[in-house]
């Protein structure tokens, strides 16, 4: 039986300068894509994480000295507008590095205080009827980005890479969200470990090249 791995993501939240919520979600998604596109020295860990058939991600928060300890560990930092997110190589579910394990999962209550720029595809649409903390939504946005990556062919991935592996995260009308799910776009169905009911559709990934594809979910 394969050991269960988890992908750690750390969001920097300083008291005086917290990031915008959407910036944090988009940074998390891009961080996941960065590792999928080029795992580098962590190829074995990435394989062990994906081969188990689960793509669990856990988001923790850090500030000050906690953040400095986090960035001293192996990983990559994605800076996106107001947000900084550190993605670390997958670790066994029960064997986190100490400086990551001590970070808090709660306390990721972020808000958008500025007008969002125009959305450009790929767009990760959040289910508007679900209330999620920013940390939970960051993990779900990462899942959606990963499903979109799996559903893309090499040429589409190359174009995405040339655009910096960026995504837009938005929440639209419920009717539009449900229609995108019905269209067969990559959709995230949550396992129900935290915050929401098992099987809930949390995010759907939308890009012109994804329509009509059979995506892994």
N, C-alpha and C. Protein backbone atom coordinates (compact mmCIF):
# COMPACT_ATOMS: atom_id res chain seq x y z
N UNK A 1 0.85 -1.19 0.00
CA UNK A 1 0.00 0.00 0.00
C UNK A 1 0.89 1.25 0.00
N UNK A 2 0.60 2.19 -0.90
CA UNK A 2 1.40 3.39 -1.00
C UNK A 2 1.20 4.31 0.21
N UNK A 3 2.31 4.90 0.68
CA UNK A 3 2.22 5.84 1.78
C UNK A 3 1.55 7.11 1.31
N UNK A 4 0.71 7.71 2.15
CA UNK A 4 -0.02 8.91 1.78
C UNK A 4 0.87 10.14 1.98
N UNK A 5 1.01 10.91 0.92
CA UNK A 5 1.79 12.14 0.95
C UNK A 5 0.86 13.35 0.86
N UNK A 6 1.37 14.50 1.28
CA UNK A 6 0.61 15.74 1.24
C UNK A 6 1.53 16.85 0.73
N UNK A 7 0.96 17.80 0.01
CA UNK A 7 1.73 18.92 -0.51
C UNK A 7 1.57 20.12 0.43
N UNK A 8 2.66 20.57 1.08
CA UNK A 8 2.56 21.73 1.97
C UNK A 8 2.65 23.05 1.21
N UNK A 9 1.76 23.96 1.54
CA UNK A 9 1.78 25.33 1.03
C UNK A 9 1.76 26.27 2.22
N UNK A 10 2.59 27.28 2.19
CA UNK A 10 2.65 28.25 3.29
C UNK A 10 2.38 29.64 2.72
N UNK A 11 1.41 30.32 3.31
CA UNK A 11 1.06 31.68 2.91
C UNK A 11 1.62 32.66 3.94
N UNK A 12 2.29 33.67 3.47
CA UNK A 12 2.83 34.69 4.37
C UNK A 12 1.72 35.69 4.71
N UNK A 13 1.41 35.81 6.00
CA UNK A 13 0.39 36.76 6.46
C UNK A 13 0.98 37.59 7.59
N UNK A 14 1.53 38.73 7.25
CA UNK A 14 2.03 39.65 8.26
C UNK A 14 0.85 40.46 8.81
N UNK A 15 0.89 40.77 10.10
CA UNK A 15 -0.23 41.46 10.74
C UNK A 15 -0.58 42.77 10.04
N UNK A 16 0.43 43.55 9.72
CA UNK A 16 0.19 44.89 9.18
C UNK A 16 -0.11 44.88 7.68
N UNK A 17 0.32 43.81 7.00
CA UNK A 17 0.19 43.80 5.54
C UNK A 17 -0.30 42.43 5.04
N UNK A 18 -1.51 42.04 5.40
CA UNK A 18 -2.00 40.75 4.90
C UNK A 18 -2.25 40.83 3.39
N UNK A 19 -2.09 39.71 2.70
CA UNK A 19 -2.33 39.72 1.26
C UNK A 19 -3.83 39.80 0.94
N UNK A 20 -4.13 40.21 -0.28
CA UNK A 20 -5.50 40.13 -0.77
C UNK A 20 -5.86 38.65 -0.95
N UNK A 21 -7.13 38.34 -0.69
CA UNK A 21 -7.57 36.94 -0.76
C UNK A 21 -7.35 36.33 -2.15
N UNK A 22 -7.81 37.01 -3.20
CA UNK A 22 -7.68 36.45 -4.53
C UNK A 22 -6.22 36.31 -4.94
N UNK A 23 -5.38 37.26 -4.55
CA UNK A 23 -3.95 37.14 -4.83
C UNK A 23 -3.38 35.87 -4.22
N UNK A 24 -3.80 35.56 -2.99
CA UNK A 24 -3.32 34.36 -2.30
C UNK A 24 -3.76 33.10 -3.02
N UNK A 25 -5.02 33.07 -3.47
CA UNK A 25 -5.53 31.89 -4.17
C UNK A 25 -4.81 31.68 -5.49
N UNK A 26 -4.60 32.75 -6.22
CA UNK A 26 -3.92 32.64 -7.51
C UNK A 26 -2.45 32.25 -7.33
N UNK A 27 -1.82 32.78 -6.30
CA UNK A 27 -0.43 32.42 -6.03
C UNK A 27 -0.31 30.94 -5.68
N UNK A 28 -1.25 30.43 -4.89
CA UNK A 28 -1.22 29.02 -4.51
C UNK A 28 -1.36 28.12 -5.74
N UNK A 29 -2.28 28.48 -6.63
CA UNK A 29 -2.48 27.68 -7.85
C UNK A 29 -1.22 27.69 -8.71
N UNK A 30 -0.62 28.85 -8.89
CA UNK A 30 0.60 28.95 -9.69
C UNK A 30 1.75 28.18 -9.04
N UNK A 31 1.81 28.20 -7.72
CA UNK A 31 2.86 27.45 -7.01
C UNK A 31 2.74 25.95 -7.29
N UNK A 32 1.52 25.45 -7.25
CA UNK A 32 1.30 24.03 -7.55
C UNK A 32 1.72 23.73 -8.99
N UNK A 33 1.31 24.58 -9.92
CA UNK A 33 1.66 24.38 -11.32
C UNK A 33 3.17 24.40 -11.54
N UNK A 34 3.86 25.28 -10.82
CA UNK A 34 5.31 25.36 -10.95
C UNK A 34 5.97 24.04 -10.61
N UNK A 35 5.49 23.39 -9.56
CA UNK A 35 6.07 22.11 -9.14
C UNK A 35 5.71 21.00 -10.12
N UNK A 36 4.48 21.01 -10.63
CA UNK A 36 4.07 20.00 -11.61
C UNK A 36 4.86 20.13 -12.90
N UNK A 37 5.08 21.36 -13.33
CA UNK A 37 5.77 21.61 -14.58
C UNK A 37 7.25 21.26 -14.49
N UNK A 38 7.87 21.57 -13.37
CA UNK A 38 9.30 21.34 -13.22
C UNK A 38 9.62 20.94 -11.79
N UNK A 39 9.47 19.65 -11.45
CA UNK A 39 9.73 19.21 -10.08
C UNK A 39 11.20 19.25 -9.68
N UNK A 40 12.09 19.32 -10.69
CA UNK A 40 13.51 19.40 -10.37
C UNK A 40 13.98 18.25 -9.50
N UNK A 41 14.64 18.59 -8.41
CA UNK A 41 15.21 17.57 -7.53
C UNK A 41 14.16 16.82 -6.72
N UNK A 42 12.90 17.25 -6.80
CA UNK A 42 11.84 16.61 -6.01
C UNK A 42 10.96 15.70 -6.85
N UNK A 43 11.49 15.19 -7.95
CA UNK A 43 10.70 14.32 -8.83
C UNK A 43 10.18 13.09 -8.09
N UNK A 44 11.01 12.48 -7.27
CA UNK A 44 10.59 11.27 -6.55
C UNK A 44 9.46 11.58 -5.57
N UNK A 45 9.58 12.69 -4.85
CA UNK A 45 8.53 13.06 -3.90
C UNK A 45 7.21 13.37 -4.62
N UNK A 46 7.32 14.04 -5.76
CA UNK A 46 6.11 14.37 -6.52
C UNK A 46 5.44 13.11 -7.05
N UNK A 47 6.25 12.17 -7.49
CA UNK A 47 5.70 10.90 -7.97
C UNK A 47 5.01 10.15 -6.83
N UNK A 48 5.65 10.08 -5.68
CA UNK A 48 5.06 9.37 -4.54
C UNK A 48 3.74 10.00 -4.12
N UNK A 49 3.65 11.32 -4.23
CA UNK A 49 2.42 12.04 -3.87
C UNK A 49 1.29 11.72 -4.84
N UNK A 50 1.60 11.68 -6.13
CA UNK A 50 0.55 11.49 -7.14
C UNK A 50 0.19 10.02 -7.34
N UNK A 51 1.14 9.12 -7.14
CA UNK A 51 0.88 7.72 -7.41
C UNK A 51 -0.13 7.13 -6.44
N UNK A 52 -0.27 7.72 -5.27
CA UNK A 52 -1.23 7.23 -4.28
C UNK A 52 -2.67 7.50 -4.70
N UNK A 53 -2.86 8.31 -5.75
CA UNK A 53 -4.20 8.58 -6.24
C UNK A 53 -4.90 9.72 -5.54
N UNK A 54 -4.18 10.40 -4.65
CA UNK A 54 -4.75 11.54 -3.95
C UNK A 54 -3.81 12.73 -4.13
N UNK A 55 -4.38 13.92 -4.16
CA UNK A 55 -3.55 15.12 -4.35
C UNK A 55 -3.80 16.09 -3.20
N UNK A 56 -3.76 15.55 -2.00
CA UNK A 56 -4.07 16.37 -0.83
C UNK A 56 -3.05 17.49 -0.65
N UNK A 57 -3.57 18.65 -0.30
CA UNK A 57 -2.73 19.83 -0.04
C UNK A 57 -3.16 20.44 1.29
N UNK A 58 -2.19 20.92 2.05
CA UNK A 58 -2.49 21.58 3.33
C UNK A 58 -1.82 22.95 3.32
N UNK A 59 -2.61 23.96 3.64
CA UNK A 59 -2.11 25.34 3.66
C UNK A 59 -1.94 25.79 5.11
N UNK A 60 -0.76 26.30 5.42
CA UNK A 60 -0.49 26.86 6.74
C UNK A 60 -0.03 28.30 6.58
N UNK A 61 -0.10 29.06 7.65
CA UNK A 61 0.26 30.48 7.59
C UNK A 61 1.52 30.75 8.40
N UNK A 62 2.24 31.79 8.00
CA UNK A 62 3.47 32.14 8.72
C UNK A 62 3.69 33.64 8.62
N UNK A 63 4.43 34.16 9.60
CA UNK A 63 4.83 35.56 9.56
C UNK A 63 6.15 35.69 10.32
N UNK A 64 6.86 36.78 10.06
CA UNK A 64 8.08 37.06 10.80
C UNK A 64 9.08 35.92 10.76
N UNK A 65 9.53 35.51 11.95
CA UNK A 65 10.52 34.45 12.05
C UNK A 65 10.00 33.12 11.51
N UNK A 66 8.69 32.88 11.65
CA UNK A 66 8.11 31.65 11.11
C UNK A 66 8.31 31.58 9.60
N UNK A 67 8.06 32.70 8.94
CA UNK A 67 8.23 32.75 7.49
C UNK A 67 9.70 32.55 7.10
N UNK A 68 10.60 33.17 7.85
CA UNK A 68 12.02 33.01 7.54
C UNK A 68 12.46 31.56 7.70
N UNK A 69 11.92 30.87 8.70
CA UNK A 69 12.26 29.45 8.85
C UNK A 69 11.66 28.62 7.71
N UNK A 70 10.47 28.98 7.28
CA UNK A 70 9.81 28.24 6.20
C UNK A 70 10.58 28.36 4.89
N UNK A 71 11.04 29.57 4.58
CA UNK A 71 11.74 29.75 3.31
C UNK A 71 13.16 29.21 3.34
N UNK A 72 13.64 28.87 4.54
CA UNK A 72 14.96 28.23 4.64
C UNK A 72 14.89 26.74 4.29
N UNK A 73 13.68 26.19 4.28
CA UNK A 73 13.49 24.79 3.94
C UNK A 73 13.38 24.63 2.42
N UNK A 74 13.64 23.45 1.89
CA UNK A 74 13.52 23.24 0.45
C UNK A 74 12.11 23.62 -0.04
N UNK A 75 12.06 24.32 -1.17
CA UNK A 75 10.80 24.74 -1.72
C UNK A 75 10.98 25.89 -2.68
N UNK A 76 9.86 26.45 -3.13
CA UNK A 76 9.87 27.59 -4.04
C UNK A 76 8.87 28.62 -3.55
N UNK A 77 9.22 29.87 -3.72
CA UNK A 77 8.33 30.96 -3.34
C UNK A 77 7.76 31.61 -4.59
N UNK A 78 6.45 31.73 -4.61
CA UNK A 78 5.74 32.43 -5.69
C UNK A 78 5.25 33.76 -5.15
N UNK A 79 5.66 34.83 -5.81
CA UNK A 79 5.19 36.17 -5.46
C UNK A 79 4.20 36.63 -6.52
N UNK A 80 3.03 37.02 -6.06
CA UNK A 80 1.96 37.41 -6.99
C UNK A 80 1.21 38.59 -6.39
N UNK A 81 1.46 39.76 -6.98
CA UNK A 81 0.88 41.00 -6.45
C UNK A 81 1.14 41.11 -4.93
N UNK A 82 0.10 41.04 -4.10
CA UNK A 82 0.30 41.24 -2.66
C UNK A 82 0.66 39.96 -1.91
N UNK A 83 0.67 38.82 -2.62
CA UNK A 83 0.80 37.53 -1.93
C UNK A 83 2.17 36.89 -2.14
N UNK A 84 2.62 36.17 -1.11
CA UNK A 84 3.80 35.31 -1.18
C UNK A 84 3.39 33.94 -0.67
N UNK A 85 3.58 32.95 -1.52
CA UNK A 85 3.25 31.57 -1.15
C UNK A 85 4.47 30.69 -1.38
N UNK A 86 4.78 29.88 -0.40
CA UNK A 86 5.89 28.94 -0.49
C UNK A 86 5.33 27.54 -0.69
N UNK A 87 5.73 26.86 -1.77
CA UNK A 87 5.35 25.47 -1.98
C UNK A 87 6.56 24.61 -1.67
N UNK A 88 6.34 23.58 -0.87
CA UNK A 88 7.40 22.66 -0.47
C UNK A 88 7.18 21.31 -1.14
N UNK A 89 8.22 20.52 -1.31
CA UNK A 89 8.03 19.19 -1.89
C UNK A 89 7.09 18.36 -1.01
N UNK A 90 6.35 17.44 -1.62
CA UNK A 90 5.43 16.60 -0.83
C UNK A 90 6.15 15.87 0.30
N UNK A 91 5.42 15.72 1.40
CA UNK A 91 5.96 15.02 2.58
C UNK A 91 4.95 13.98 3.03
N UNK A 92 5.40 12.92 3.72
CA UNK A 92 4.46 11.96 4.28
C UNK A 92 3.47 12.66 5.21
N UNK A 93 2.22 12.23 5.16
CA UNK A 93 1.17 12.88 5.94
C UNK A 93 1.53 13.01 7.41
N UNK A 94 2.21 12.02 7.96
CA UNK A 94 2.52 12.01 9.38
C UNK A 94 3.99 12.31 9.69
N UNK A 95 4.69 12.91 8.75
CA UNK A 95 6.11 13.17 8.97
C UNK A 95 6.51 14.51 8.34
N UNK A 96 5.90 15.58 8.84
CA UNK A 96 6.21 16.93 8.36
C UNK A 96 7.53 17.42 8.96
N UNK A 97 8.28 18.25 8.22
CA UNK A 97 9.41 18.94 8.84
C UNK A 97 8.92 19.77 10.03
N UNK A 98 9.71 19.80 11.07
CA UNK A 98 9.26 20.44 12.32
C UNK A 98 8.83 21.88 12.10
N UNK A 99 9.61 22.65 11.32
CA UNK A 99 9.30 24.07 11.15
C UNK A 99 8.04 24.31 10.32
N UNK A 100 7.58 23.30 9.61
CA UNK A 100 6.30 23.40 8.92
C UNK A 100 5.17 22.88 9.81
N UNK A 101 5.42 21.79 10.51
CA UNK A 101 4.39 21.19 11.35
C UNK A 101 3.92 22.14 12.45
N UNK A 102 4.79 23.02 12.91
CA UNK A 102 4.43 23.92 14.01
C UNK A 102 3.61 25.12 13.55
N UNK A 103 3.49 25.32 12.24
CA UNK A 103 2.71 26.45 11.73
C UNK A 103 1.21 26.19 11.86
N UNK A 104 0.45 27.26 12.01
CA UNK A 104 -0.99 27.15 12.20
C UNK A 104 -1.73 26.99 10.87
N UNK A 105 -2.76 26.16 10.88
CA UNK A 105 -3.63 26.02 9.72
C UNK A 105 -4.72 27.08 9.77
N UNK A 106 -5.22 27.37 10.97
CA UNK A 106 -6.30 28.37 11.12
C UNK A 106 -5.72 29.77 11.01
N UNK A 107 -6.61 30.74 10.90
CA UNK A 107 -6.18 32.13 10.88
C UNK A 107 -5.90 32.67 9.49
N UNK A 108 -6.50 32.04 8.47
CA UNK A 108 -6.29 32.53 7.10
C UNK A 108 -7.53 33.28 6.61
N UNK A 109 -8.07 34.15 7.47
CA UNK A 109 -9.23 34.93 7.08
C UNK A 109 -8.76 36.16 6.31
N UNK A 110 -8.78 36.06 5.00
CA UNK A 110 -8.34 37.15 4.13
C UNK A 110 -9.53 37.71 3.37
N UNK A 111 -9.39 38.93 2.89
CA UNK A 111 -10.46 39.59 2.14
C UNK A 111 -9.87 40.33 0.95
N UNK A 112 -10.71 40.59 -0.03
CA UNK A 112 -10.32 41.43 -1.16
C UNK A 112 -10.78 42.85 -0.87
N UNK A 113 -9.85 43.77 -0.84
CA UNK A 113 -10.17 45.17 -0.56
C UNK A 113 -10.00 46.05 -1.78
N UNK A 114 -9.53 45.47 -2.88
CA UNK A 114 -9.29 46.23 -4.10
C UNK A 114 -10.08 45.62 -5.26
N UNK A 115 -10.31 46.42 -6.28
CA UNK A 115 -10.99 45.92 -7.47
C UNK A 115 -10.07 44.93 -8.19
N UNK A 116 -10.65 43.80 -8.60
CA UNK A 116 -9.87 42.77 -9.27
C UNK A 116 -9.62 43.15 -10.72
N UNK A 117 -8.46 42.82 -11.26
CA UNK A 117 -8.20 43.08 -12.68
C UNK A 117 -9.03 42.14 -13.54
N UNK A 118 -9.14 42.42 -14.84
CA UNK A 118 -9.89 41.52 -15.73
C UNK A 118 -9.33 40.10 -15.67
N UNK A 119 -10.22 39.13 -15.64
CA UNK A 119 -9.80 37.73 -15.58
C UNK A 119 -9.35 37.25 -16.95
N UNK A 120 -8.24 36.49 -16.96
CA UNK A 120 -7.74 35.88 -18.19
C UNK A 120 -7.64 34.37 -17.98
N UNK A 121 -7.96 33.58 -19.00
CA UNK A 121 -7.89 32.12 -18.84
C UNK A 121 -6.46 31.63 -18.67
N UNK A 122 -6.34 30.51 -18.00
CA UNK A 122 -7.39 29.70 -17.38
C UNK A 122 -8.01 30.42 -16.17
N UNK A 123 -9.31 30.25 -16.03
CA UNK A 123 -10.03 30.84 -14.90
C UNK A 123 -10.49 29.71 -13.98
N UNK A 124 -10.18 29.81 -12.72
CA UNK A 124 -10.63 28.85 -11.72
C UNK A 124 -11.82 29.46 -11.00
N UNK A 125 -12.99 28.89 -11.24
CA UNK A 125 -14.22 29.44 -10.68
C UNK A 125 -14.55 28.77 -9.36
N UNK A 126 -14.74 29.57 -8.32
CA UNK A 126 -15.13 29.05 -7.01
C UNK A 126 -16.64 28.90 -6.94
N UNK A 127 -17.09 27.87 -6.26
CA UNK A 127 -18.52 27.67 -6.06
C UNK A 127 -19.04 28.76 -5.13
N UNK A 128 -19.92 29.65 -5.61
CA UNK A 128 -20.33 30.79 -4.79
C UNK A 128 -21.19 30.43 -3.58
N UNK A 129 -21.74 29.23 -3.54
CA UNK A 129 -22.59 28.88 -2.41
C UNK A 129 -21.81 28.29 -1.24
N UNK A 130 -20.51 28.05 -1.42
CA UNK A 130 -19.71 27.46 -0.36
C UNK A 130 -18.87 28.53 0.34
N UNK A 131 -18.92 28.54 1.66
CA UNK A 131 -18.09 29.44 2.45
C UNK A 131 -16.82 28.70 2.86
N UNK A 132 -15.68 29.20 2.39
CA UNK A 132 -14.40 28.56 2.71
C UNK A 132 -13.43 29.61 3.23
N UNK A 133 -12.61 29.22 4.20
CA UNK A 133 -11.52 30.09 4.61
C UNK A 133 -10.57 30.27 3.43
N UNK A 134 -9.72 31.29 3.50
CA UNK A 134 -8.76 31.49 2.41
C UNK A 134 -7.82 30.29 2.28
N UNK A 135 -7.41 29.72 3.41
CA UNK A 135 -6.53 28.56 3.36
C UNK A 135 -7.18 27.38 2.66
N UNK A 136 -8.42 27.11 3.00
CA UNK A 136 -9.15 26.02 2.35
C UNK A 136 -9.30 26.30 0.86
N UNK A 137 -9.67 27.53 0.52
CA UNK A 137 -9.85 27.89 -0.88
C UNK A 137 -8.54 27.85 -1.66
N UNK A 138 -7.43 28.18 -1.01
CA UNK A 138 -6.13 28.07 -1.67
C UNK A 138 -5.84 26.63 -2.07
N UNK A 139 -6.09 25.70 -1.17
CA UNK A 139 -5.87 24.30 -1.49
C UNK A 139 -6.78 23.84 -2.63
N UNK A 140 -8.03 24.28 -2.60
CA UNK A 140 -8.98 23.89 -3.64
C UNK A 140 -8.61 24.49 -4.99
N UNK A 141 -8.14 25.73 -4.99
CA UNK A 141 -7.68 26.35 -6.24
C UNK A 141 -6.48 25.60 -6.79
N UNK A 142 -5.60 25.15 -5.89
CA UNK A 142 -4.47 24.33 -6.31
C UNK A 142 -4.92 23.03 -6.95
N UNK A 143 -5.95 22.39 -6.37
CA UNK A 143 -6.51 21.18 -6.97
C UNK A 143 -7.02 21.46 -8.38
N UNK A 144 -7.78 22.56 -8.53
CA UNK A 144 -8.37 22.89 -9.83
C UNK A 144 -7.29 23.13 -10.87
N UNK A 145 -6.24 23.84 -10.48
CA UNK A 145 -5.14 24.08 -11.41
C UNK A 145 -4.48 22.76 -11.81
N UNK A 146 -4.35 21.85 -10.85
CA UNK A 146 -3.72 20.56 -11.15
C UNK A 146 -4.57 19.74 -12.10
N UNK A 147 -5.88 19.72 -11.92
CA UNK A 147 -6.75 18.99 -12.83
C UNK A 147 -6.70 19.59 -14.23
N UNK A 148 -6.64 20.92 -14.31
CA UNK A 148 -6.53 21.57 -15.61
C UNK A 148 -5.20 21.21 -16.29
N UNK A 149 -4.14 21.13 -15.50
CA UNK A 149 -2.83 20.76 -16.05
C UNK A 149 -2.86 19.34 -16.60
N UNK A 150 -3.43 18.42 -15.84
CA UNK A 150 -3.54 17.04 -16.30
C UNK A 150 -4.36 16.93 -17.58
N UNK A 151 -5.36 17.80 -17.73
CA UNK A 151 -6.24 17.74 -18.89
C UNK A 151 -5.69 18.47 -20.10
N UNK A 152 -4.52 19.09 -19.99
CA UNK A 152 -3.93 19.86 -21.08
C UNK A 152 -2.87 19.02 -21.80
N UNK A 153 -2.76 19.23 -23.11
CA UNK A 153 -1.75 18.49 -23.87
C UNK A 153 -0.43 19.26 -23.85
N UNK A 154 0.67 18.67 -24.37
CA UNK A 154 1.98 19.33 -24.29
C UNK A 154 2.01 20.72 -24.91
N UNK A 155 1.33 20.92 -26.03
CA UNK A 155 1.32 22.24 -26.64
C UNK A 155 0.61 23.27 -25.80
N UNK A 156 -0.49 22.86 -25.18
CA UNK A 156 -1.25 23.77 -24.31
C UNK A 156 -0.45 24.09 -23.05
N UNK A 157 0.25 23.10 -22.54
CA UNK A 157 1.10 23.35 -21.37
C UNK A 157 2.24 24.30 -21.72
N UNK A 158 2.80 24.16 -22.91
CA UNK A 158 3.89 25.04 -23.33
C UNK A 158 3.40 26.48 -23.42
N UNK A 159 2.21 26.69 -23.96
CA UNK A 159 1.66 28.05 -24.04
C UNK A 159 1.38 28.61 -22.65
N UNK A 160 0.89 27.76 -21.77
CA UNK A 160 0.62 28.16 -20.39
C UNK A 160 1.93 28.54 -19.70
N UNK A 161 2.95 27.72 -19.91
CA UNK A 161 4.27 27.99 -19.34
C UNK A 161 4.82 29.33 -19.83
N UNK A 162 4.66 29.60 -21.12
CA UNK A 162 5.15 30.85 -21.69
C UNK A 162 4.46 32.06 -21.09
N UNK A 163 3.25 31.83 -20.55
CA UNK A 163 2.49 32.91 -19.90
C UNK A 163 2.71 32.94 -18.40
N UNK A 164 3.75 32.24 -17.93
CA UNK A 164 4.10 32.28 -16.51
C UNK A 164 3.28 31.37 -15.62
N UNK A 165 2.53 30.41 -16.22
CA UNK A 165 1.68 29.49 -15.45
C UNK A 165 0.66 30.23 -14.59
N UNK A 166 0.24 31.40 -15.05
CA UNK A 166 -0.71 32.20 -14.29
C UNK A 166 -2.13 31.68 -14.45
N UNK A 167 -2.95 31.99 -13.47
CA UNK A 167 -4.38 31.68 -13.50
C UNK A 167 -5.13 32.88 -12.95
N UNK A 168 -6.43 32.91 -13.22
CA UNK A 168 -7.33 33.86 -12.56
C UNK A 168 -8.29 33.07 -11.69
N UNK A 169 -8.58 33.57 -10.51
CA UNK A 169 -9.56 32.95 -9.61
C UNK A 169 -10.71 33.93 -9.43
N UNK A 170 -11.91 33.45 -9.66
CA UNK A 170 -13.09 34.30 -9.54
C UNK A 170 -14.26 33.49 -8.98
N UNK A 171 -15.27 34.20 -8.50
CA UNK A 171 -16.53 33.58 -8.07
C UNK A 171 -17.65 34.26 -8.85
N UNK A 172 -18.36 33.49 -9.65
CA UNK A 172 -19.43 34.05 -10.45
C UNK A 172 -20.80 33.67 -9.92
N UNK A 173 -21.79 33.69 -10.80
CA UNK A 173 -23.15 33.32 -10.42
C UNK A 173 -23.27 31.80 -10.31
N UNK A 174 -24.17 31.34 -9.43
CA UNK A 174 -24.34 29.91 -9.23
C UNK A 174 -24.74 29.20 -10.51
N UNK A 175 -25.64 29.79 -11.28
CA UNK A 175 -26.10 29.17 -12.51
C UNK A 175 -24.94 28.94 -13.48
N UNK A 176 -24.06 29.92 -13.58
CA UNK A 176 -22.92 29.80 -14.48
C UNK A 176 -21.96 28.72 -13.99
N UNK A 177 -21.75 28.66 -12.67
CA UNK A 177 -20.87 27.63 -12.11
C UNK A 177 -21.43 26.24 -12.41
N UNK A 178 -22.70 26.06 -12.17
CA UNK A 178 -23.32 24.74 -12.40
C UNK A 178 -23.25 24.36 -13.87
N UNK A 179 -23.38 25.33 -14.76
CA UNK A 179 -23.31 25.04 -16.19
C UNK A 179 -21.92 24.59 -16.60
N UNK A 180 -20.90 25.17 -16.00
CA UNK A 180 -19.52 24.78 -16.31
C UNK A 180 -19.24 23.36 -15.81
N UNK A 181 -19.79 23.03 -14.65
CA UNK A 181 -19.65 21.65 -14.15
C UNK A 181 -20.33 20.68 -15.11
N UNK A 182 -21.54 21.04 -15.55
CA UNK A 182 -22.30 20.17 -16.45
C UNK A 182 -21.62 20.02 -17.81
N UNK A 183 -20.81 21.02 -18.20
CA UNK A 183 -20.13 20.98 -19.49
C UNK A 183 -18.96 20.01 -19.51
N UNK A 184 -18.63 19.45 -18.36
CA UNK A 184 -17.55 18.47 -18.31
C UNK A 184 -16.18 19.05 -18.09
N UNK A 185 -16.11 20.30 -17.63
CA UNK A 185 -14.82 20.91 -17.33
C UNK A 185 -14.23 20.26 -16.07
N UNK A 186 -12.91 20.35 -15.88
CA UNK A 186 -12.30 19.77 -14.68
C UNK A 186 -12.90 20.38 -13.41
N UNK A 187 -13.43 19.54 -12.56
CA UNK A 187 -14.10 20.01 -11.34
C UNK A 187 -13.50 19.32 -10.12
N UNK A 188 -13.36 20.09 -9.06
CA UNK A 188 -12.83 19.57 -7.80
C UNK A 188 -14.00 19.16 -6.91
N UNK A 189 -13.97 17.91 -6.49
CA UNK A 189 -14.97 17.41 -5.53
C UNK A 189 -14.23 17.12 -4.23
N UNK A 190 -14.59 17.85 -3.20
CA UNK A 190 -13.81 17.81 -1.96
C UNK A 190 -14.02 16.50 -1.20
N UNK A 191 -12.95 16.06 -0.55
CA UNK A 191 -13.01 14.83 0.24
C UNK A 191 -13.74 15.02 1.56
N UNK A 192 -13.92 16.26 1.99
CA UNK A 192 -14.69 16.53 3.20
C UNK A 192 -13.92 16.43 4.49
N UNK A 193 -12.59 16.55 4.43
CA UNK A 193 -11.81 16.49 5.67
C UNK A 193 -12.07 17.71 6.56
N UNK A 194 -12.25 18.88 5.95
CA UNK A 194 -12.43 20.12 6.72
C UNK A 194 -13.45 21.03 6.05
N UNK A 195 -14.20 21.72 6.87
CA UNK A 195 -15.04 22.88 6.52
C UNK A 195 -16.30 22.58 5.72
N UNK A 196 -16.25 21.69 4.73
CA UNK A 196 -17.42 21.49 3.86
C UNK A 196 -17.75 20.01 3.74
N UNK A 197 -18.95 19.73 3.21
CA UNK A 197 -19.43 18.36 3.11
C UNK A 197 -18.65 17.56 2.05
N UNK A 198 -18.42 16.27 2.32
CA UNK A 198 -17.75 15.43 1.31
C UNK A 198 -18.51 15.45 -0.01
N UNK A 199 -17.77 15.48 -1.10
CA UNK A 199 -18.38 15.46 -2.42
C UNK A 199 -18.78 16.81 -2.95
N UNK A 200 -18.60 17.87 -2.15
CA UNK A 200 -18.97 19.20 -2.61
C UNK A 200 -18.10 19.62 -3.79
N UNK A 201 -18.71 20.23 -4.80
CA UNK A 201 -17.96 20.78 -5.93
C UNK A 201 -17.45 22.15 -5.52
N UNK A 202 -16.16 22.29 -5.36
CA UNK A 202 -15.60 23.53 -4.83
C UNK A 202 -15.12 24.49 -5.91
N UNK A 203 -14.46 23.95 -6.92
CA UNK A 203 -13.90 24.76 -8.00
C UNK A 203 -14.08 24.04 -9.33
N UNK A 204 -14.17 24.82 -10.39
CA UNK A 204 -14.14 24.28 -11.73
C UNK A 204 -13.14 25.09 -12.55
N UNK A 205 -12.35 24.40 -13.37
CA UNK A 205 -11.32 25.06 -14.18
C UNK A 205 -11.87 25.31 -15.58
N UNK A 206 -11.72 26.53 -16.05
CA UNK A 206 -12.32 26.96 -17.31
C UNK A 206 -11.25 27.57 -18.22
N UNK A 207 -11.05 26.96 -19.38
CA UNK A 207 -10.17 27.51 -20.41
C UNK A 207 -10.68 27.00 -21.75
N UNK A 208 -10.49 27.75 -22.82
CA UNK A 208 -11.03 27.33 -24.12
C UNK A 208 -10.62 25.92 -24.52
N UNK A 209 -9.39 25.51 -24.22
CA UNK A 209 -8.92 24.21 -24.67
C UNK A 209 -9.41 23.05 -23.82
N UNK A 210 -10.10 23.34 -22.71
CA UNK A 210 -10.54 22.28 -21.81
C UNK A 210 -11.93 21.73 -22.16
N UNK A 211 -12.69 22.44 -22.97
CA UNK A 211 -14.03 21.98 -23.29
C UNK A 211 -13.98 20.69 -24.12
N UNK A 212 -14.82 19.77 -23.73
CA UNK A 212 -14.89 18.52 -24.46
C UNK A 212 -13.86 17.49 -24.05
N UNK A 213 -12.99 17.83 -23.10
CA UNK A 213 -11.97 16.87 -22.65
C UNK A 213 -12.53 15.99 -21.53
N UNK A 214 -12.01 14.82 -21.42
CA UNK A 214 -12.31 13.95 -20.28
C UNK A 214 -11.18 14.15 -19.29
N UNK A 215 -11.47 14.87 -18.20
CA UNK A 215 -10.42 15.21 -17.24
C UNK A 215 -10.46 14.26 -16.05
N UNK A 216 -9.30 14.05 -15.45
CA UNK A 216 -9.22 13.29 -14.21
C UNK A 216 -9.78 14.16 -13.09
N UNK A 217 -10.52 13.55 -12.19
CA UNK A 217 -11.10 14.32 -11.08
C UNK A 217 -11.08 13.50 -9.81
